Amino acid sequence: LASVHPKPLLRSPRTPKMSQLSRIAARLRPLGNRVLVHKKALDNVSAGGIILSEAPRSNEGVVLAVGPGFRTQDGNLLPMNVAVGDTVYLPEYGGVKVNGEGAKEDGEFTIYREDELLGTLTPEEA
């Protein structure tokens, strides 16, 4: 008798269901010198409890994926200066938003060219 194995779970039963936007971002692999950045959603309630008409924009994000780098006219590959997991400082405008149905708490997924990023933020020393 052949033993019957159930199909493996793609996620743990305790893991919350990912939105369509999160699934798209998880599969996306940037090309060239592009970087996929996740900006967390900010509350539209001030510290004093006043509801703001428009949610504030975050200028910080976490790098989720990076492309191989910039290729020069000679064909040489210049490596990326950022890596997955880096916290980066972002410009107020720019980048290309990844489209899809997402929950508010998912935040925003945006693709930037590496030269659009303003800098990396190092963690504070304890």
N, C-alpha and C. Protein backbone atom coordinates (compact mmCIF):
# COMPACT_ATOMS: atom_id res chain seq x y z
N LEU A 1 0.83 -1.20 0.00
CA LEU A 1 0.00 0.00 0.00
C LEU A 1 0.86 1.25 0.00
N ALA A 2 0.52 2.15 -0.83
CA ALA A 2 1.24 3.43 -0.84
C ALA A 2 0.61 4.35 0.19
N SER A 3 1.47 4.97 0.97
CA SER A 3 0.94 5.88 1.98
C SER A 3 0.49 7.18 1.31
N VAL A 4 -0.56 7.74 1.81
CA VAL A 4 -1.11 8.97 1.25
C VAL A 4 -0.61 10.13 2.10
N HIS A 5 0.07 11.07 1.46
CA HIS A 5 0.58 12.25 2.16
C HIS A 5 -0.28 13.44 1.79
N PRO A 6 -0.71 14.20 2.80
CA PRO A 6 -1.49 15.40 2.47
C PRO A 6 -0.60 16.43 1.79
N LYS A 7 -1.22 17.32 1.04
CA LYS A 7 -0.47 18.39 0.39
C LYS A 7 0.16 19.27 1.47
N PRO A 8 1.41 19.71 1.27
CA PRO A 8 2.04 20.55 2.28
C PRO A 8 1.36 21.92 2.33
N LEU A 9 1.32 22.49 3.53
CA LEU A 9 0.74 23.81 3.69
C LEU A 9 1.71 24.86 3.18
N LEU A 10 1.21 25.83 2.44
CA LEU A 10 2.05 26.92 1.97
C LEU A 10 2.33 27.91 3.09
N ARG A 11 1.45 27.97 4.06
CA ARG A 11 1.64 28.87 5.20
C ARG A 11 1.09 28.16 6.43
N SER A 12 1.57 28.58 7.56
CA SER A 12 1.11 27.99 8.82
C SER A 12 -0.34 28.39 9.05
N PRO A 13 -1.15 27.53 9.69
CA PRO A 13 -2.54 27.90 9.96
C PRO A 13 -2.64 29.15 10.84
N ARG A 14 -1.59 29.45 11.59
CA ARG A 14 -1.61 30.63 12.47
C ARG A 14 -1.18 31.90 11.74
N THR A 15 -0.57 31.76 10.56
CA THR A 15 -0.12 32.91 9.80
C THR A 15 -1.34 33.60 9.19
N PRO A 16 -1.46 34.93 9.36
CA PRO A 16 -2.60 35.61 8.75
C PRO A 16 -2.53 35.54 7.23
N LYS A 17 -3.69 35.53 6.60
CA LYS A 17 -3.77 35.45 5.15
C LYS A 17 -3.18 36.72 4.54
N MET A 18 -2.31 36.54 3.54
CA MET A 18 -1.69 37.67 2.87
C MET A 18 -2.66 38.25 1.86
N SER A 19 -2.63 39.56 1.69
CA SER A 19 -3.47 40.19 0.69
C SER A 19 -2.88 39.95 -0.69
N GLN A 20 -3.65 40.24 -1.71
CA GLN A 20 -3.19 40.07 -3.08
C GLN A 20 -1.95 40.91 -3.33
N LEU A 21 -1.92 42.12 -2.81
CA LEU A 21 -0.78 43.01 -3.00
C LEU A 21 0.48 42.44 -2.36
N SER A 22 0.36 41.89 -1.16
CA SER A 22 1.51 41.29 -0.49
C SER A 22 2.04 40.09 -1.26
N ARG A 23 1.15 39.31 -1.84
CA ARG A 23 1.57 38.14 -2.62
C ARG A 23 2.30 38.57 -3.89
N ILE A 24 1.82 39.63 -4.53
CA ILE A 24 2.49 40.14 -5.74
C ILE A 24 3.89 40.63 -5.37
N ALA A 25 3.99 41.39 -4.29
CA ALA A 25 5.28 41.95 -3.88
C ALA A 25 6.26 40.83 -3.50
N ALA A 26 5.77 39.76 -2.92
CA ALA A 26 6.65 38.65 -2.51
C ALA A 26 7.23 37.93 -3.73
N ARG A 27 6.54 37.96 -4.87
CA ARG A 27 7.01 37.27 -6.08
C ARG A 27 7.80 38.18 -7.00
N LEU A 28 7.80 39.48 -6.75
CA LEU A 28 8.41 40.44 -7.66
C LEU A 28 9.93 40.46 -7.51
N ARG A 29 10.63 40.39 -8.63
CA ARG A 29 12.09 40.46 -8.64
C ARG A 29 12.49 41.65 -9.51
N PRO A 30 13.04 42.71 -8.92
CA PRO A 30 13.41 43.89 -9.70
C PRO A 30 14.52 43.59 -10.71
N LEU A 31 14.53 44.34 -11.80
CA LEU A 31 15.54 44.20 -12.84
C LEU A 31 16.52 45.37 -12.76
N GLY A 32 17.72 45.17 -13.27
CA GLY A 32 18.71 46.24 -13.33
C GLY A 32 19.05 46.80 -11.97
N ASN A 33 19.03 48.13 -11.88
CA ASN A 33 19.36 48.79 -10.61
C ASN A 33 18.10 49.21 -9.86
N ARG A 34 17.05 48.42 -9.96
CA ARG A 34 15.78 48.72 -9.29
C ARG A 34 15.74 48.06 -7.91
N VAL A 35 14.95 48.66 -7.02
CA VAL A 35 14.82 48.19 -5.64
C VAL A 35 13.35 48.20 -5.26
N LEU A 36 12.85 47.11 -4.68
CA LEU A 36 11.48 47.04 -4.18
C LEU A 36 11.50 47.42 -2.70
N VAL A 37 10.72 48.45 -2.34
CA VAL A 37 10.71 48.98 -0.98
C VAL A 37 9.30 48.89 -0.41
N HIS A 38 9.20 48.53 0.85
CA HIS A 38 7.92 48.49 1.56
C HIS A 38 7.87 49.66 2.53
N LYS A 39 6.86 50.52 2.34
CA LYS A 39 6.62 51.63 3.27
C LYS A 39 5.44 51.24 4.16
N LYS A 40 5.64 51.29 5.47
CA LYS A 40 4.57 50.94 6.40
C LYS A 40 3.46 51.99 6.35
N ALA A 41 2.24 51.54 6.58
CA ALA A 41 1.11 52.45 6.65
C ALA A 41 1.16 53.21 7.97
N LEU A 42 0.91 54.49 7.93
CA LEU A 42 0.87 55.32 9.13
C LEU A 42 -0.58 55.63 9.47
N ASP A 43 -0.87 55.76 10.75
CA ASP A 43 -2.22 56.10 11.18
C ASP A 43 -2.54 57.53 10.80
N ASN A 44 -3.81 57.78 10.48
CA ASN A 44 -4.21 59.14 10.17
C ASN A 44 -4.85 59.81 11.39
N VAL A 45 -4.36 59.41 12.58
CA VAL A 45 -4.79 60.03 13.83
C VAL A 45 -3.56 60.63 14.49
N SER A 46 -3.65 61.92 14.85
CA SER A 46 -2.51 62.58 15.47
C SER A 46 -2.31 62.08 16.89
N ALA A 47 -1.18 62.46 17.51
CA ALA A 47 -0.89 62.06 18.88
C ALA A 47 -1.95 62.59 19.85
N GLY A 48 -2.58 63.69 19.52
CA GLY A 48 -3.62 64.28 20.36
C GLY A 48 -5.00 63.69 20.10
N GLY A 49 -5.12 62.75 19.16
CA GLY A 49 -6.39 62.10 18.89
C GLY A 49 -7.20 62.74 17.77
N ILE A 50 -6.64 63.71 17.09
CA ILE A 50 -7.35 64.38 15.99
C ILE A 50 -7.21 63.53 14.73
N ILE A 51 -8.34 63.28 14.07
CA ILE A 51 -8.33 62.50 12.83
C ILE A 51 -7.92 63.42 11.69
N LEU A 52 -6.84 63.04 10.99
CA LEU A 52 -6.33 63.82 9.87
C LEU A 52 -7.06 63.42 8.60
N SER A 53 -7.32 64.39 7.72
CA SER A 53 -8.05 64.10 6.49
C SER A 53 -7.22 63.23 5.55
N GLU A 54 -5.92 63.35 5.62
CA GLU A 54 -5.04 62.56 4.76
C GLU A 54 -3.96 61.93 5.63
N ALA A 55 -3.71 60.65 5.42
CA ALA A 55 -2.69 59.95 6.21
C ALA A 55 -1.32 60.52 5.89
N PRO A 56 -0.46 60.68 6.89
CA PRO A 56 0.89 61.17 6.63
C PRO A 56 1.69 60.17 5.81
N ARG A 57 2.64 60.66 5.05
CA ARG A 57 3.48 59.80 4.22
C ARG A 57 4.76 59.46 4.96
N SER A 58 5.17 58.23 4.85
CA SER A 58 6.40 57.79 5.48
C SER A 58 7.56 58.01 4.52
N ASN A 59 8.68 58.51 5.03
CA ASN A 59 9.88 58.68 4.21
C ASN A 59 10.88 57.57 4.46
N GLU A 60 10.48 56.55 5.22
CA GLU A 60 11.35 55.42 5.48
C GLU A 60 10.71 54.16 4.92
N GLY A 61 11.54 53.25 4.48
CA GLY A 61 11.05 51.98 3.99
C GLY A 61 12.08 50.89 4.18
N VAL A 62 11.64 49.65 4.01
CA VAL A 62 12.52 48.50 4.14
C VAL A 62 12.67 47.86 2.77
N VAL A 63 13.89 47.57 2.39
CA VAL A 63 14.18 46.95 1.09
C VAL A 63 13.76 45.48 1.14
N LEU A 64 12.88 45.09 0.22
CA LEU A 64 12.40 43.70 0.14
C LEU A 64 13.13 42.90 -0.92
N ALA A 65 13.55 43.56 -2.01
CA ALA A 65 14.24 42.86 -3.09
C ALA A 65 15.08 43.86 -3.86
N VAL A 66 16.20 43.40 -4.41
CA VAL A 66 17.07 44.26 -5.21
C VAL A 66 17.40 43.56 -6.52
N GLY A 67 17.62 44.35 -7.55
CA GLY A 67 18.04 43.82 -8.83
C GLY A 67 19.53 43.51 -8.80
N PRO A 68 20.06 42.98 -9.91
CA PRO A 68 21.48 42.60 -9.94
C PRO A 68 22.43 43.78 -9.92
N GLY A 69 22.00 44.94 -10.39
CA GLY A 69 22.87 46.11 -10.42
C GLY A 69 22.80 46.81 -11.76
N PHE A 70 23.58 47.88 -11.88
CA PHE A 70 23.60 48.69 -13.10
C PHE A 70 24.66 48.15 -14.04
N ARG A 71 24.29 48.00 -15.31
CA ARG A 71 25.24 47.52 -16.31
C ARG A 71 25.73 48.71 -17.13
N THR A 72 27.06 48.90 -17.17
CA THR A 72 27.65 50.01 -17.91
C THR A 72 27.62 49.71 -19.41
N GLN A 73 28.01 50.72 -20.22
CA GLN A 73 28.04 50.53 -21.67
C GLN A 73 29.08 49.48 -22.07
N ASP A 74 30.11 49.31 -21.25
CA ASP A 74 31.12 48.29 -21.52
C ASP A 74 30.65 46.89 -21.15
N GLY A 75 29.51 46.78 -20.47
CA GLY A 75 28.98 45.49 -20.07
C GLY A 75 29.35 45.09 -18.66
N ASN A 76 30.09 45.95 -17.96
CA ASN A 76 30.46 45.65 -16.57
C ASN A 76 29.26 45.86 -15.66
N LEU A 77 29.12 45.01 -14.67
CA LEU A 77 28.02 45.10 -13.72
C LEU A 77 28.50 45.82 -12.46
N LEU A 78 27.85 46.94 -12.15
CA LEU A 78 28.15 47.67 -10.91
C LEU A 78 27.22 47.15 -9.84
N PRO A 79 27.76 46.63 -8.73
CA PRO A 79 26.90 46.03 -7.69
C PRO A 79 26.04 47.09 -7.00
N MET A 80 24.97 46.61 -6.38
CA MET A 80 24.05 47.49 -5.66
C MET A 80 24.67 47.90 -4.32
N ASN A 81 24.31 49.11 -3.86
CA ASN A 81 24.79 49.62 -2.58
C ASN A 81 23.83 49.29 -1.44
N VAL A 82 22.66 48.77 -1.76
CA VAL A 82 21.68 48.40 -0.72
C VAL A 82 21.44 46.90 -0.81
N ALA A 83 20.99 46.34 0.30
CA ALA A 83 20.71 44.91 0.37
C ALA A 83 19.33 44.70 0.97
N VAL A 84 18.80 43.50 0.79
CA VAL A 84 17.50 43.15 1.36
C VAL A 84 17.57 43.32 2.88
N GLY A 85 16.57 43.98 3.43
CA GLY A 85 16.51 44.20 4.88
C GLY A 85 17.00 45.57 5.30
N ASP A 86 17.69 46.31 4.41
CA ASP A 86 18.16 47.65 4.75
C ASP A 86 16.98 48.60 4.92
N THR A 87 17.09 49.52 5.87
CA THR A 87 16.10 50.59 6.01
C THR A 87 16.65 51.78 5.24
N VAL A 88 15.84 52.31 4.33
CA VAL A 88 16.30 53.39 3.46
C VAL A 88 15.42 54.62 3.64
N TYR A 89 16.01 55.79 3.35
CA TYR A 89 15.31 57.06 3.39
C TYR A 89 14.89 57.37 1.96
N LEU A 90 13.60 57.68 1.77
CA LEU A 90 13.02 57.81 0.44
C LEU A 90 12.70 59.24 0.08
N PRO A 91 12.70 59.55 -1.22
CA PRO A 91 12.28 60.89 -1.64
C PRO A 91 10.77 61.06 -1.46
N GLU A 92 10.33 62.29 -1.38
CA GLU A 92 8.90 62.54 -1.18
C GLU A 92 8.09 62.07 -2.39
N TYR A 93 8.64 62.26 -3.58
CA TYR A 93 7.96 61.83 -4.80
C TYR A 93 8.88 60.92 -5.58
N GLY A 94 8.31 60.09 -6.43
CA GLY A 94 9.10 59.21 -7.27
C GLY A 94 8.74 57.76 -7.05
N GLY A 95 9.36 56.91 -7.80
CA GLY A 95 9.10 55.49 -7.70
C GLY A 95 7.83 55.10 -8.42
N VAL A 96 7.64 53.80 -8.56
CA VAL A 96 6.45 53.24 -9.21
C VAL A 96 5.76 52.34 -8.21
N LYS A 97 4.50 52.66 -7.89
CA LYS A 97 3.75 51.85 -6.94
C LYS A 97 3.35 50.53 -7.58
N VAL A 98 3.42 49.46 -6.78
CA VAL A 98 2.98 48.15 -7.23
C VAL A 98 1.48 48.10 -7.05
N ASN A 99 0.75 47.82 -8.14
CA ASN A 99 -0.71 47.82 -8.10
C ASN A 99 -1.24 46.49 -7.60
N GLY A 100 -2.41 46.54 -7.01
CA GLY A 100 -3.08 45.34 -6.53
C GLY A 100 -4.00 45.70 -5.38
N GLU A 101 -4.87 44.77 -5.05
CA GLU A 101 -5.79 44.98 -3.93
C GLU A 101 -5.03 44.67 -2.64
N GLY A 102 -4.97 45.66 -1.78
CA GLY A 102 -4.26 45.46 -0.53
C GLY A 102 -5.02 46.05 0.64
N ALA A 103 -4.74 45.53 1.81
CA ALA A 103 -5.33 46.07 3.02
C ALA A 103 -4.53 47.28 3.46
N LYS A 104 -5.17 48.17 4.20
CA LYS A 104 -4.51 49.40 4.64
C LYS A 104 -3.26 49.10 5.45
N GLU A 105 -3.33 48.06 6.28
CA GLU A 105 -2.19 47.74 7.14
C GLU A 105 -1.01 47.14 6.37
N ASP A 106 -1.22 46.78 5.09
CA ASP A 106 -0.12 46.26 4.27
C ASP A 106 0.91 47.33 3.98
N GLY A 107 0.50 48.57 3.97
CA GLY A 107 1.41 49.64 3.61
C GLY A 107 1.48 49.78 2.09
N GLU A 108 2.61 50.28 1.62
CA GLU A 108 2.76 50.58 0.21
C GLU A 108 4.02 49.90 -0.32
N PHE A 109 3.92 49.26 -1.47
CA PHE A 109 5.07 48.63 -2.11
C PHE A 109 5.43 49.47 -3.33
N THR A 110 6.67 49.93 -3.40
CA THR A 110 7.10 50.83 -4.46
C THR A 110 8.45 50.39 -5.00
N ILE A 111 8.64 50.53 -6.31
CA ILE A 111 9.91 50.22 -6.95
C ILE A 111 10.62 51.54 -7.25
N TYR A 112 11.87 51.64 -6.80
CA TYR A 112 12.70 52.81 -7.04
C TYR A 112 13.96 52.38 -7.78
N ARG A 113 14.55 53.32 -8.53
CA ARG A 113 15.91 53.11 -9.02
C ARG A 113 16.84 53.36 -7.83
N GLU A 114 17.94 52.69 -7.80
CA GLU A 114 18.85 52.83 -6.66
C GLU A 114 19.31 54.28 -6.48
N ASP A 115 19.51 55.00 -7.58
CA ASP A 115 19.98 56.39 -7.44
C ASP A 115 18.89 57.34 -6.97
N GLU A 116 17.64 56.90 -6.89
CA GLU A 116 16.57 57.72 -6.32
C GLU A 116 16.56 57.68 -4.80
N LEU A 117 17.12 56.61 -4.22
CA LEU A 117 17.15 56.48 -2.76
C LEU A 117 18.09 57.52 -2.19
N LEU A 118 17.67 58.13 -1.07
CA LEU A 118 18.45 59.21 -0.49
C LEU A 118 19.54 58.73 0.46
N GLY A 119 19.37 57.57 1.04
CA GLY A 119 20.39 57.04 1.95
C GLY A 119 19.86 55.86 2.72
N THR A 120 20.75 55.22 3.48
CA THR A 120 20.36 54.12 4.34
C THR A 120 20.40 54.59 5.78
N LEU A 121 19.51 54.02 6.59
CA LEU A 121 19.46 54.35 8.00
C LEU A 121 20.04 53.19 8.79
N THR A 122 21.03 53.48 9.62
CA THR A 122 21.61 52.43 10.45
C THR A 122 20.82 52.33 11.74
N PRO A 123 20.73 51.13 12.31
CA PRO A 123 19.99 50.99 13.57
C PRO A 123 20.69 51.74 14.70
N GLU A 124 19.89 52.25 15.62
CA GLU A 124 20.47 52.97 16.75
C GLU A 124 21.17 52.00 17.68
N GLU A 125 22.28 52.46 18.21
CA GLU A 125 23.05 51.64 19.17
C GLU A 125 22.34 51.69 20.52
N ALA A 126 22.21 50.57 21.17
CA ALA A 126 21.53 50.52 22.48
C ALA A 126 22.45 50.90 23.61
